[in-house]
Each structure stands twice: as C-alpha cells, then as structure tokens.
Amino acid sequence: MREGFDHREFLDLVRELPEPGDPRTLLIESFIDAELAEATKRAWTGPARIVFITATHANRIARLTAAAGISPDEAAATIAQKDARKRVAEQWPRWRSITNDWIDNDGDYAAFIARLDAVMTRATSGTNTEEMT
C-alpha cells in the first residue's frame, strides 16, 4: 500500500472491472494491508484468493542488499522502517486467518515459481483448498 493511497478509490476501480466470465480471469494485486485485501476480495465478483508470500528476515536482508547495492545494516534498517510503517507485525494474525495460500519464498527463484504455479493451478481449476504452500 502506497503512502496516501485511497482505499475507496481502489475498490471503486475493482468494482468497475469487466465481469469475470472466463475462469481464467484473475484479479491479482499486491497488498500489505489485510483489511484492503479482504475488501478487494469482497468487491471482486469473480473467484478470488488471498495469497501471502513471505520470506525470513535474513533472506529479505540478503535480497535487498544484493538488489539495492547497500550494506546489510542499511537493508535491515530499511526493512524495519517499512515493516513498522506498514504495521506488518500487527497484521500478522489477521493475514494468517484470511490467507488461502501461504507461499514460503525462502528458496531459489525456481522454487518460488513452482509454488506460485501450484497456487495458480488451484485458482484456475476451481479447487479451493486452504492448504499452505
């Protein structure tokens, strides 16, 4: 969720999307706010799943260090500031209760894509398992 982002404006845009007549039609959005994720799922008239993607703190630091070319301490500080601003720890229990699929993104890119493909297969086949991946 971007700073200054208007939830109502986003939900109005979701409601204006074409009706999802084709089972391959998916609504995909990236959220850090559990309330907005739930509201979007209610606003979307077609099938919807909430997919939570997580990685350990150490992996997040390593990835940000490599991607941004900053020190591990700078990466850790950046992540801590972002998590505090986005209320990540506060929302953790709610995410656990609303998530259809939980993807552990601590492996390599190929493992992540395989897990994401499995979620997409369940979503497009109509399978609504609450299985965490």
Protein backbone atom coordinates (compact mmCIF):
# COMPACT_ATOMS: atom_id res chain seq x y z
CA MET A 1 0.00 0.00 0.00
CA ARG A 2 1.48 3.29 -1.04
CA GLU A 3 1.51 6.26 1.30
CA GLY A 4 -1.53 8.44 0.68
CA PHE A 5 -3.26 5.66 -1.26
CA ASP A 6 -7.05 5.92 -1.14
CA HIS A 7 -8.61 2.50 -0.44
CA ARG A 8 -12.05 3.62 -1.60
CA GLU A 9 -10.72 4.78 -4.96
CA PHE A 10 -9.01 1.42 -5.50
CA LEU A 11 -12.15 -0.55 -4.55
CA ASP A 12 -14.25 1.60 -6.89
CA LEU A 13 -11.85 0.70 -9.72
CA VAL A 14 -12.13 -3.01 -8.84
CA ARG A 15 -15.92 -2.79 -8.99
CA GLU A 16 -15.70 -1.20 -12.46
CA LEU A 17 -13.64 -4.06 -13.94
CA PRO A 18 -15.38 -6.26 -16.52
CA GLU A 19 -17.38 -9.17 -15.18
CA PRO A 20 -15.14 -12.25 -14.84
CA GLY A 21 -16.98 -14.63 -17.17
CA ASP A 22 -13.89 -16.60 -18.15
CA PRO A 23 -12.48 -18.84 -15.38
CA ARG A 24 -9.01 -17.75 -16.46
CA THR A 25 -9.81 -14.17 -15.42
CA LEU A 26 -7.92 -13.43 -12.24
CA LEU A 27 -7.57 -10.34 -10.12
CA ILE A 28 -4.01 -10.02 -8.88
CA GLU A 29 -2.88 -7.24 -6.58
CA SER A 30 -0.08 -6.84 -4.10
CA PHE A 31 -1.17 -5.87 -0.60
CA ILE A 32 0.49 -5.10 2.68
CA ASP A 33 -2.83 -4.17 4.29
CA ALA A 34 -5.02 -7.12 5.30
CA GLU A 35 -8.19 -5.02 5.51
CA LEU A 36 -7.77 -3.84 1.91
CA ALA A 37 -7.09 -7.41 0.75
CA GLU A 38 -10.33 -8.60 2.33
CA ALA A 39 -12.31 -5.66 0.95
CA THR A 40 -10.95 -6.28 -2.54
CA LYS A 41 -11.89 -9.95 -2.37
CA ARG A 42 -15.45 -8.94 -1.39
CA ALA A 43 -15.61 -6.28 -4.15
CA TRP A 44 -14.44 -8.61 -6.93
CA THR A 45 -17.41 -10.51 -8.34
CA GLY A 46 -15.40 -13.49 -9.56
CA PRO A 47 -13.28 -16.12 -7.86
CA ALA A 48 -10.59 -14.65 -5.67
CA ARG A 49 -7.83 -15.96 -3.46
CA ILE A 50 -5.59 -14.23 -0.98
CA VAL A 51 -2.01 -15.37 -1.45
CA PHE A 52 0.56 -14.35 1.14
CA ILE A 53 4.21 -14.52 0.14
CA THR A 54 6.80 -14.39 2.87
CA ALA A 55 10.49 -14.90 3.45
CA THR A 56 12.66 -14.97 6.54
CA HIS A 57 14.13 -11.72 7.80
CA ALA A 58 17.63 -12.93 6.86
CA ASN A 59 16.59 -13.65 3.26
CA ARG A 60 14.84 -10.30 2.95
CA ILE A 61 18.00 -8.54 4.11
CA ALA A 62 20.21 -10.55 1.74
CA ARG A 63 17.93 -9.89 -1.24
CA LEU A 64 17.64 -6.16 -0.56
CA THR A 65 21.40 -5.90 -0.02
CA ALA A 66 22.05 -7.52 -3.39
CA ALA A 67 19.28 -5.72 -5.27
CA ALA A 68 19.96 -2.21 -3.94
CA GLY A 69 23.73 -2.48 -3.51
CA ILE A 70 23.56 -1.40 0.13
CA SER A 71 25.08 -2.81 3.30
CA PRO A 72 23.26 -5.48 5.31
CA ASP A 73 22.81 -2.95 8.14
CA GLU A 74 21.21 -0.45 5.74
CA ALA A 75 18.98 -3.18 4.34
CA ALA A 76 17.93 -4.27 7.84
CA ALA A 77 17.12 -0.67 8.80
CA THR A 78 15.11 -0.15 5.59
CA ILE A 79 13.11 -3.34 6.17
CA ALA A 80 12.49 -2.46 9.83
CA GLN A 81 11.21 1.00 8.86
CA LYS A 82 8.97 -0.40 6.14
CA ASP A 83 7.55 -3.15 8.37
CA ALA A 84 6.81 -0.63 11.15
CA ARG A 85 5.18 1.83 8.74
CA LYS A 86 3.09 -0.91 7.13
CA ARG A 87 2.12 -2.42 10.53
CA VAL A 88 3.32 -5.87 9.41
CA ALA A 89 3.65 -7.41 12.90
CA GLU A 90 0.26 -6.02 13.93
CA GLN A 91 -1.47 -7.56 10.90
CA TRP A 92 0.28 -10.96 11.02
CA PRO A 93 -2.53 -12.83 12.86
CA ARG A 94 -5.14 -11.43 10.51
CA TRP A 95 -3.13 -12.48 7.45
CA ARG A 96 -2.93 -15.99 8.91
CA SER A 97 -6.71 -16.12 9.24
CA ILE A 98 -7.66 -14.76 5.78
CA THR A 99 -5.00 -16.26 3.54
CA ASN A 100 -5.98 -19.01 1.10
CA ASP A 101 -2.39 -19.81 0.14
CA TRP A 102 0.83 -19.12 2.00
CA ILE A 103 3.99 -19.22 -0.10
CA ASP A 104 7.36 -19.61 1.59
CA ASN A 105 9.74 -17.63 -0.60
CA ASP A 106 12.98 -18.66 1.09
CA GLY A 107 14.13 -20.92 -1.71
CA ASP A 108 15.50 -20.00 -5.08
CA TYR A 109 13.52 -18.37 -7.87
CA ALA A 110 12.60 -21.70 -9.49
CA ALA A 111 11.10 -22.99 -6.22
CA PHE A 112 9.10 -19.78 -5.83
CA ILE A 113 7.72 -20.01 -9.38
CA ALA A 114 6.77 -23.67 -8.83
CA ARG A 115 4.83 -22.74 -5.68
CA LEU A 116 3.17 -19.82 -7.44
CA ASP A 117 2.25 -22.09 -10.37
CA ALA A 118 0.61 -24.52 -7.94
CA VAL A 119 -1.50 -21.69 -6.50
CA MET A 120 -2.47 -20.54 -9.99
CA THR A 121 -3.42 -24.10 -10.95
CA ARG A 122 -5.69 -24.39 -7.89
CA ALA A 123 -7.20 -20.96 -8.65
CA THR A 124 -7.98 -21.72 -12.29
CA SER A 125 -9.20 -25.28 -11.64
CA GLY A 126 -11.71 -24.12 -9.06
CA THR A 127 -10.03 -26.03 -6.25
CA ASN A 128 -10.43 -24.02 -3.09
CA THR A 129 -8.12 -25.72 -0.65
CA GLU A 130 -6.86 -23.81 2.33
CA GLU A 131 -3.54 -25.59 2.00
CA MET A 132 -0.50 -23.52 2.78
CA THR A 133 2.36 -23.97 0.32
